[in-house]
Amino acid sequence: MDEILGQVLRNAVWERLDMLSDLAERADAPSLLSVARSELPRLAEAWRSMLKLHEPDDRGDCPTCSTRWHRSKAPCSVWQAAHEHLVAGGLAPQQPPRQRGRKAESHSAVHPRRHALRSGVSTAGLRSG
C-alpha cells in the first residue's frame, strides 16, 4: 500500500510540474502573471523546506544524504541541484528540460506525461494544489 501511495504522490508532483511548465510555455501574459504570483512563493517555500533538511551538520555532512556507513559532505546533490537551477541556471542559455539520475526513466515509465490516473492508480481523496 505504501508503494502505491508513494507512486500516486510522485505522479501528482510530476503532473503539477508538467502543468506549470506547460503554462510557462503557452499561457498569455495576464495568465502567466497570475500563475507566477501564486506559484513562485510556493515553489520558493518548497525549495527552502527541502534545503533545510539538507543543511550541513557541525561536521560539514548532509544529515539527510548521509548514512551510518557513508557520510555525504556538503554541498550534497540537493544543494548542488539548487545552485544549478536557481543561481547558475539563470546565467546559462536555456535548454530543453532533461531527466537526470538513475531514476529518471521510472518517472515516465507509467506514461510519457506521468499522469497517475492513466496508470490505473486512483488519486481520489488527494488534495490538489
Protein backbone atom coordinates (compact mmCIF):
# COMPACT_ATOMS: atom_id res chain seq x y z
CA MET A 1 0.00 0.00 0.00
CA ASP A 2 2.83 2.43 0.81
CA GLU A 3 4.33 1.80 -2.61
CA ILE A 4 1.04 2.68 -4.31
CA LEU A 5 0.59 5.82 -2.23
CA GLY A 6 4.19 6.82 -2.93
CA GLN A 7 3.63 6.39 -6.66
CA VAL A 8 0.40 8.41 -6.51
CA LEU A 9 2.16 11.24 -4.65
CA ARG A 10 5.12 11.21 -7.05
CA ASN A 11 2.81 11.22 -10.07
CA ALA A 12 0.81 14.12 -8.62
CA VAL A 13 4.00 16.16 -8.14
CA TRP A 14 5.28 15.36 -11.65
CA GLU A 15 1.88 16.23 -13.09
CA ARG A 16 1.87 19.57 -11.26
CA LEU A 17 5.36 20.38 -12.54
CA ASP A 18 4.31 19.43 -16.08
CA MET A 19 1.29 21.72 -15.80
CA LEU A 20 3.44 24.63 -14.62
CA SER A 21 5.92 24.06 -17.44
CA ASP A 22 3.09 23.97 -19.97
CA LEU A 23 1.67 27.21 -18.57
CA ALA A 24 5.08 28.90 -18.74
CA GLU A 25 5.37 27.94 -22.41
CA ARG A 26 1.81 28.59 -23.58
CA ALA A 27 -0.04 30.98 -21.29
CA ASP A 28 -0.84 34.55 -22.29
CA ALA A 29 0.82 37.35 -20.30
CA PRO A 30 -2.05 38.06 -17.84
CA SER A 31 -2.48 34.33 -17.08
CA LEU A 32 1.24 33.88 -16.68
CA LEU A 33 1.44 36.81 -14.27
CA SER A 34 -1.39 35.35 -12.18
CA VAL A 35 0.25 31.93 -12.06
CA ALA A 36 3.64 33.44 -11.21
CA ARG A 37 2.18 35.42 -8.30
CA SER A 38 0.56 32.33 -6.81
CA GLU A 39 3.14 29.66 -7.67
CA LEU A 40 6.53 31.37 -7.25
CA PRO A 41 6.12 31.83 -3.46
CA ARG A 42 5.01 28.20 -3.14
CA LEU A 43 7.96 26.95 -5.19
CA ALA A 44 10.38 29.12 -3.21
CA GLU A 45 8.99 27.77 0.07
CA ALA A 46 9.25 24.19 -1.25
CA TRP A 47 12.92 24.74 -2.06
CA ARG A 48 13.52 26.32 1.36
CA SER A 49 11.95 23.43 3.24
CA MET A 50 13.88 20.86 1.19
CA LEU A 51 17.17 22.72 1.62
CA LYS A 52 16.65 22.99 5.40
CA LEU A 53 16.62 19.18 5.52
CA HIS A 54 19.99 19.17 3.75
CA GLU A 55 21.76 21.85 5.83
CA PRO A 56 25.21 20.58 6.80
CA ASP A 57 25.74 19.50 10.39
CA ASP A 58 28.66 20.53 12.63
CA ARG A 59 30.98 18.13 10.77
CA GLY A 60 30.01 19.52 7.36
CA ASP A 61 27.96 16.46 6.43
CA CYS A 62 24.45 16.41 4.99
CA PRO A 63 22.33 14.67 7.63
CA THR A 64 19.70 13.62 5.08
CA CYS A 65 22.01 12.21 2.42
CA SER A 66 24.45 10.60 4.87
CA THR A 67 24.08 7.06 6.12
CA ARG A 68 25.60 5.28 9.07
CA TRP A 69 28.39 3.93 6.87
CA HIS A 70 28.80 6.75 4.33
CA ARG A 71 29.00 10.42 5.18
CA SER A 72 27.90 12.81 2.44
CA LYS A 73 29.92 16.01 2.57
CA ALA A 74 28.26 19.33 1.88
CA PRO A 75 27.30 20.52 -0.57
CA CYS A 76 25.20 17.44 -1.22
CA SER A 77 23.47 16.73 -4.53
CA VAL A 78 20.36 18.62 -3.40
CA TRP A 79 22.34 21.80 -2.72
CA GLN A 80 24.24 21.33 -5.99
CA ALA A 81 20.94 20.99 -7.90
CA ALA A 82 19.53 24.04 -6.12
CA HIS A 83 22.55 26.11 -7.11
CA GLU A 84 22.47 24.84 -10.68
CA HIS A 85 18.78 25.59 -11.19
CA LEU A 86 18.30 28.68 -9.02
CA VAL A 87 21.60 30.50 -9.38
CA ALA A 88 23.80 29.24 -12.20
CA GLY A 89 20.87 28.19 -14.39
CA GLY A 90 19.76 31.78 -14.66
CA LEU A 91 23.06 32.61 -16.30
CA ALA A 92 23.19 29.66 -18.68
CA PRO A 93 21.48 29.56 -22.08
CA GLN A 94 18.03 27.99 -21.88
CA GLN A 95 17.97 24.33 -22.87
CA PRO A 96 15.05 21.91 -23.00
CA PRO A 97 14.45 20.19 -19.64
CA ARG A 98 16.14 16.83 -19.35
CA GLN A 99 15.73 14.00 -16.94
CA ARG A 100 18.69 13.17 -14.77
CA GLY A 101 19.77 10.46 -12.42
CA ARG A 102 19.24 6.75 -12.32
CA LYS A 103 15.52 7.04 -11.61
CA ALA A 104 14.78 9.43 -14.46
CA GLU A 105 13.38 6.63 -16.60
CA SER A 106 10.95 5.47 -13.92
CA HIS A 107 9.22 8.88 -13.78
CA SER A 108 7.86 8.46 -17.25
CA ALA A 109 7.58 4.67 -17.29
CA VAL A 110 3.87 4.77 -16.45
CA HIS A 111 3.01 7.33 -19.12
CA PRO A 112 5.07 9.87 -21.02
CA ARG A 113 3.31 12.68 -19.15
CA ARG A 114 3.43 10.77 -15.83
CA HIS A 115 -0.26 11.03 -15.04
CA ALA A 116 -1.36 8.77 -12.19
CA LEU A 117 -4.90 8.39 -13.49
CA ARG A 118 -3.71 6.95 -16.78
CA SER A 119 -1.61 4.37 -14.97
CA GLY A 120 -4.66 2.91 -13.30
CA VAL A 121 -3.77 4.32 -9.88
CA SER A 122 -6.53 6.30 -8.23
CA THR A 123 -5.85 9.75 -6.84
CA ALA A 124 -9.26 10.02 -5.18
CA GLY A 125 -9.05 11.74 -1.87
CA LEU A 126 -5.82 13.57 -2.62
CA ARG A 127 -5.96 17.32 -2.47
CA SER A 128 -4.54 19.15 -5.47
CA GLY A 129 -2.77 22.47 -5.38
